[in-house]
Amino acid sequence: MLVKAHSTELIGRIARAERKRQGLRQDDLAAMIGSSHVFLRAVEQGKPGVQLGKVLQALEELGITVYLDVAKESAIAITGQSA
């Protein structure tokens, strides 16, 4: 299901819900991405100052794919591929 991620709070709620659905504890997921449960708690609380790279890593580990909806011309210029 596609969800428009319009805030850090929503991303955090989605990550938490998926982590719980998979039966993972915060410290389990944190270990999988080389981070701490404190970091995961900050992500799940929607704190805006967390490291984007680690957030993307956590989402990927949970099986959540992140897409960015950009203008076709920008996508071609960035990736070198036509959409």
N, C-alpha and C. Protein backbone atom coordinates (compact mmCIF):
# COMPACT_ATOMS: atom_id res chain seq x y z
N MET A 1 0.84 -1.18 0.00
CA MET A 1 0.00 0.00 0.00
C MET A 1 0.89 1.24 0.00
N LEU A 2 0.59 2.18 -0.85
CA LEU A 2 1.35 3.43 -0.90
C LEU A 2 0.80 4.40 0.13
N VAL A 3 1.70 5.04 0.87
CA VAL A 3 1.32 6.03 1.88
C VAL A 3 2.15 7.28 1.64
N LYS A 4 1.50 8.43 1.58
CA LYS A 4 2.21 9.68 1.40
C LYS A 4 2.85 10.05 2.74
N ALA A 5 4.17 10.02 2.77
CA ALA A 5 4.91 10.31 4.01
C ALA A 5 5.14 11.81 4.10
N HIS A 6 4.26 12.50 4.75
CA HIS A 6 4.31 13.96 4.80
C HIS A 6 4.96 14.51 6.07
N SER A 7 5.37 13.62 6.99
CA SER A 7 6.00 14.10 8.22
C SER A 7 6.90 13.03 8.82
N THR A 8 7.83 13.47 9.64
CA THR A 8 8.69 12.52 10.34
C THR A 8 7.88 11.68 11.32
N GLU A 9 6.83 12.28 11.88
CA GLU A 9 5.98 11.55 12.80
C GLU A 9 5.30 10.37 12.12
N LEU A 10 4.80 10.59 10.91
CA LEU A 10 4.14 9.52 10.17
C LEU A 10 5.13 8.42 9.80
N ILE A 11 6.31 8.79 9.36
CA ILE A 11 7.33 7.80 9.03
C ILE A 11 7.65 6.97 10.27
N GLY A 12 7.76 7.63 11.40
CA GLY A 12 8.03 6.93 12.65
C GLY A 12 6.92 5.96 13.03
N ARG A 13 5.67 6.38 12.88
CA ARG A 13 4.54 5.50 13.20
C ARG A 13 4.50 4.30 12.27
N ILE A 14 4.82 4.52 11.00
CA ILE A 14 4.84 3.42 10.03
C ILE A 14 5.95 2.43 10.39
N ALA A 15 7.14 2.95 10.68
CA ALA A 15 8.26 2.08 11.04
C ALA A 15 7.94 1.27 12.29
N ARG A 16 7.35 1.90 13.28
CA ARG A 16 7.00 1.21 14.53
C ARG A 16 5.98 0.12 14.28
N ALA A 17 4.94 0.45 13.52
CA ALA A 17 3.89 -0.53 13.24
C ALA A 17 4.46 -1.75 12.51
N GLU A 18 5.33 -1.51 11.54
CA GLU A 18 5.91 -2.62 10.78
C GLU A 18 6.87 -3.44 11.64
N ARG A 19 7.65 -2.76 12.47
CA ARG A 19 8.56 -3.48 13.37
C ARG A 19 7.76 -4.40 14.29
N LYS A 20 6.70 -3.87 14.87
CA LYS A 20 5.87 -4.68 15.78
C LYS A 20 5.18 -5.82 15.03
N ARG A 21 4.71 -5.54 13.80
CA ARG A 21 4.06 -6.57 13.01
C ARG A 21 5.01 -7.75 12.77
N GLN A 22 6.29 -7.43 12.59
CA GLN A 22 7.28 -8.47 12.35
C GLN A 22 7.79 -9.11 13.64
N GLY A 23 7.32 -8.61 14.78
CA GLY A 23 7.72 -9.19 16.05
C GLY A 23 9.14 -8.85 16.47
N LEU A 24 9.64 -7.73 15.98
CA LEU A 24 11.00 -7.29 16.33
C LEU A 24 10.97 -6.30 17.48
N ARG A 25 11.96 -6.39 18.35
CA ARG A 25 12.14 -5.38 19.40
C ARG A 25 13.00 -4.26 18.84
N GLN A 26 12.94 -3.09 19.47
CA GLN A 26 13.76 -1.96 19.01
C GLN A 26 15.23 -2.33 18.99
N ASP A 27 15.70 -2.99 20.03
CA ASP A 27 17.13 -3.31 20.07
C ASP A 27 17.51 -4.34 19.01
N ASP A 28 16.58 -5.21 18.63
CA ASP A 28 16.86 -6.18 17.55
C ASP A 28 17.07 -5.45 16.22
N LEU A 29 16.13 -4.59 15.88
CA LEU A 29 16.23 -3.84 14.62
C LEU A 29 17.46 -2.93 14.65
N ALA A 30 17.70 -2.29 15.78
CA ALA A 30 18.86 -1.41 15.91
C ALA A 30 20.15 -2.18 15.63
N ALA A 31 20.25 -3.38 16.17
CA ALA A 31 21.46 -4.19 15.94
C ALA A 31 21.59 -4.56 14.47
N MET A 32 20.48 -4.78 13.80
CA MET A 32 20.51 -5.15 12.39
C MET A 32 21.07 -4.03 11.51
N ILE A 33 20.92 -2.78 11.96
CA ILE A 33 21.40 -1.65 11.16
C ILE A 33 22.62 -0.99 11.80
N GLY A 34 23.15 -1.60 12.84
CA GLY A 34 24.34 -1.05 13.49
C GLY A 34 24.08 0.23 14.24
N SER A 35 22.95 0.28 14.92
CA SER A 35 22.58 1.48 15.66
C SER A 35 22.13 1.09 17.06
N SER A 36 21.48 2.00 17.76
CA SER A 36 21.04 1.74 19.13
C SER A 36 19.52 1.82 19.24
N HIS A 37 19.00 1.26 20.34
CA HIS A 37 17.56 1.35 20.56
C HIS A 37 17.14 2.80 20.80
N VAL A 38 18.07 3.63 21.29
CA VAL A 38 17.77 5.05 21.50
C VAL A 38 17.51 5.72 20.15
N PHE A 39 18.32 5.38 19.15
CA PHE A 39 18.11 5.91 17.80
C PHE A 39 16.75 5.47 17.26
N LEU A 40 16.45 4.17 17.40
CA LEU A 40 15.17 3.64 16.90
C LEU A 40 13.99 4.31 17.58
N ARG A 41 14.12 4.55 18.88
CA ARG A 41 13.05 5.23 19.61
C ARG A 41 12.84 6.63 19.04
N ALA A 42 13.93 7.33 18.75
CA ALA A 42 13.84 8.68 18.18
C ALA A 42 13.15 8.65 16.82
N VAL A 43 13.49 7.64 16.00
CA VAL A 43 12.84 7.49 14.69
C VAL A 43 11.35 7.28 14.88
N GLU A 44 11.00 6.34 15.75
CA GLU A 44 9.59 6.00 15.95
C GLU A 44 8.79 7.13 16.58
N GLN A 45 9.47 8.01 17.29
CA GLN A 45 8.80 9.18 17.87
C GLN A 45 8.72 10.33 16.87
N GLY A 46 9.31 10.14 15.69
CA GLY A 46 9.23 11.17 14.65
C GLY A 46 10.15 12.35 14.88
N LYS A 47 11.22 12.15 15.61
CA LYS A 47 12.18 13.24 15.85
C LYS A 47 12.81 13.65 14.52
N PRO A 48 12.81 14.95 14.21
CA PRO A 48 13.31 15.39 12.91
C PRO A 48 14.83 15.39 12.77
N GLY A 49 15.60 15.25 13.85
CA GLY A 49 17.04 15.35 13.78
C GLY A 49 17.78 14.04 13.57
N VAL A 50 17.07 12.95 13.30
CA VAL A 50 17.74 11.66 13.13
C VAL A 50 18.44 11.59 11.77
N GLN A 51 19.44 10.72 11.67
CA GLN A 51 20.22 10.58 10.44
C GLN A 51 19.38 9.91 9.36
N LEU A 52 19.22 10.61 8.25
CA LEU A 52 18.41 10.10 7.14
C LEU A 52 18.92 8.76 6.63
N GLY A 53 20.22 8.62 6.49
CA GLY A 53 20.78 7.37 5.98
C GLY A 53 20.41 6.18 6.85
N LYS A 54 20.47 6.37 8.16
CA LYS A 54 20.11 5.29 9.09
C LYS A 54 18.61 5.01 9.05
N VAL A 55 17.81 6.05 8.89
CA VAL A 55 16.36 5.86 8.77
C VAL A 55 16.05 5.02 7.53
N LEU A 56 16.68 5.36 6.41
CA LEU A 56 16.47 4.60 5.18
C LEU A 56 16.93 3.16 5.34
N GLN A 57 18.02 2.96 6.06
CA GLN A 57 18.53 1.62 6.32
C GLN A 57 17.52 0.82 7.16
N ALA A 58 16.96 1.45 8.18
CA ALA A 58 15.96 0.78 9.03
C ALA A 58 14.72 0.42 8.22
N LEU A 59 14.25 1.36 7.40
CA LEU A 59 13.06 1.10 6.59
C LEU A 59 13.32 -0.05 5.62
N GLU A 60 14.50 -0.05 5.00
CA GLU A 60 14.84 -1.13 4.07
C GLU A 60 14.87 -2.47 4.79
N GLU A 61 15.45 -2.49 5.98
CA GLU A 61 15.52 -3.73 6.76
C GLU A 61 14.12 -4.24 7.10
N LEU A 62 13.18 -3.31 7.25
CA LEU A 62 11.79 -3.69 7.53
C LEU A 62 11.02 -4.07 6.26
N GLY A 63 11.66 -3.89 5.10
CA GLY A 63 10.99 -4.22 3.84
C GLY A 63 10.14 -3.08 3.31
N ILE A 64 10.40 -1.88 3.80
CA ILE A 64 9.65 -0.70 3.35
C ILE A 64 10.48 0.00 2.27
N THR A 65 9.91 0.16 1.10
CA THR A 65 10.58 0.82 -0.01
C THR A 65 10.17 2.29 -0.05
N VAL A 66 11.15 3.16 -0.20
CA VAL A 66 10.88 4.60 -0.27
C VAL A 66 11.04 5.06 -1.71
N TYR A 67 10.03 5.71 -2.22
CA TYR A 67 10.06 6.29 -3.56
C TYR A 67 9.90 7.80 -3.43
N LEU A 68 10.53 8.53 -4.34
CA LEU A 68 10.35 9.98 -4.41
C LEU A 68 9.68 10.30 -5.74
N ASP A 69 8.61 11.04 -5.68
CA ASP A 69 7.85 11.41 -6.87
C ASP A 69 8.40 12.74 -7.39
N VAL A 70 9.23 12.65 -8.42
CA VAL A 70 9.87 13.85 -8.98
C VAL A 70 9.45 14.03 -10.44
N ALA A 71 9.71 15.21 -10.94
CA ALA A 71 9.41 15.47 -12.35
C ALA A 71 10.21 14.52 -13.23
N LYS A 72 9.63 14.07 -14.32
CA LYS A 72 10.27 13.12 -15.22
C LYS A 72 11.64 13.62 -15.68
N GLU A 73 11.71 14.91 -16.01
CA GLU A 73 12.96 15.48 -16.48
C GLU A 73 14.05 15.39 -15.41
N SER A 74 13.69 15.62 -14.16
CA SER A 74 14.65 15.52 -13.07
C SER A 74 15.12 14.09 -12.89
N ALA A 75 14.18 13.15 -12.96
CA ALA A 75 14.53 11.73 -12.81
C ALA A 75 15.50 11.30 -13.90
N ILE A 76 15.26 11.72 -15.12
CA ILE A 76 16.13 11.36 -16.23
C ILE A 76 17.51 11.99 -16.03
N ALA A 77 17.55 13.24 -15.62
CA ALA A 77 18.81 13.93 -15.42
C ALA A 77 19.64 13.30 -14.30
N ILE A 78 18.96 12.85 -13.27
CA ILE A 78 19.65 12.28 -12.10
C ILE A 78 20.09 10.84 -12.37
N THR A 79 19.22 10.04 -12.91
CA THR A 79 19.50 8.62 -13.05
C THR A 79 20.05 8.23 -14.42
N GLY A 80 19.81 9.10 -15.41
CA GLY A 80 20.25 8.78 -16.76
C GLY A 80 19.32 7.79 -17.45
N GLN A 81 18.19 7.45 -16.81
CA GLN A 81 17.24 6.51 -17.36
C GLN A 81 15.93 7.21 -17.64
N SER A 82 15.25 6.79 -18.69
CA SER A 82 13.92 7.34 -18.95
C SER A 82 12.92 6.60 -18.08
N ALA A 83 11.90 7.32 -17.67
CA ALA A 83 10.91 6.73 -16.75
C ALA A 83 10.01 5.74 -17.41
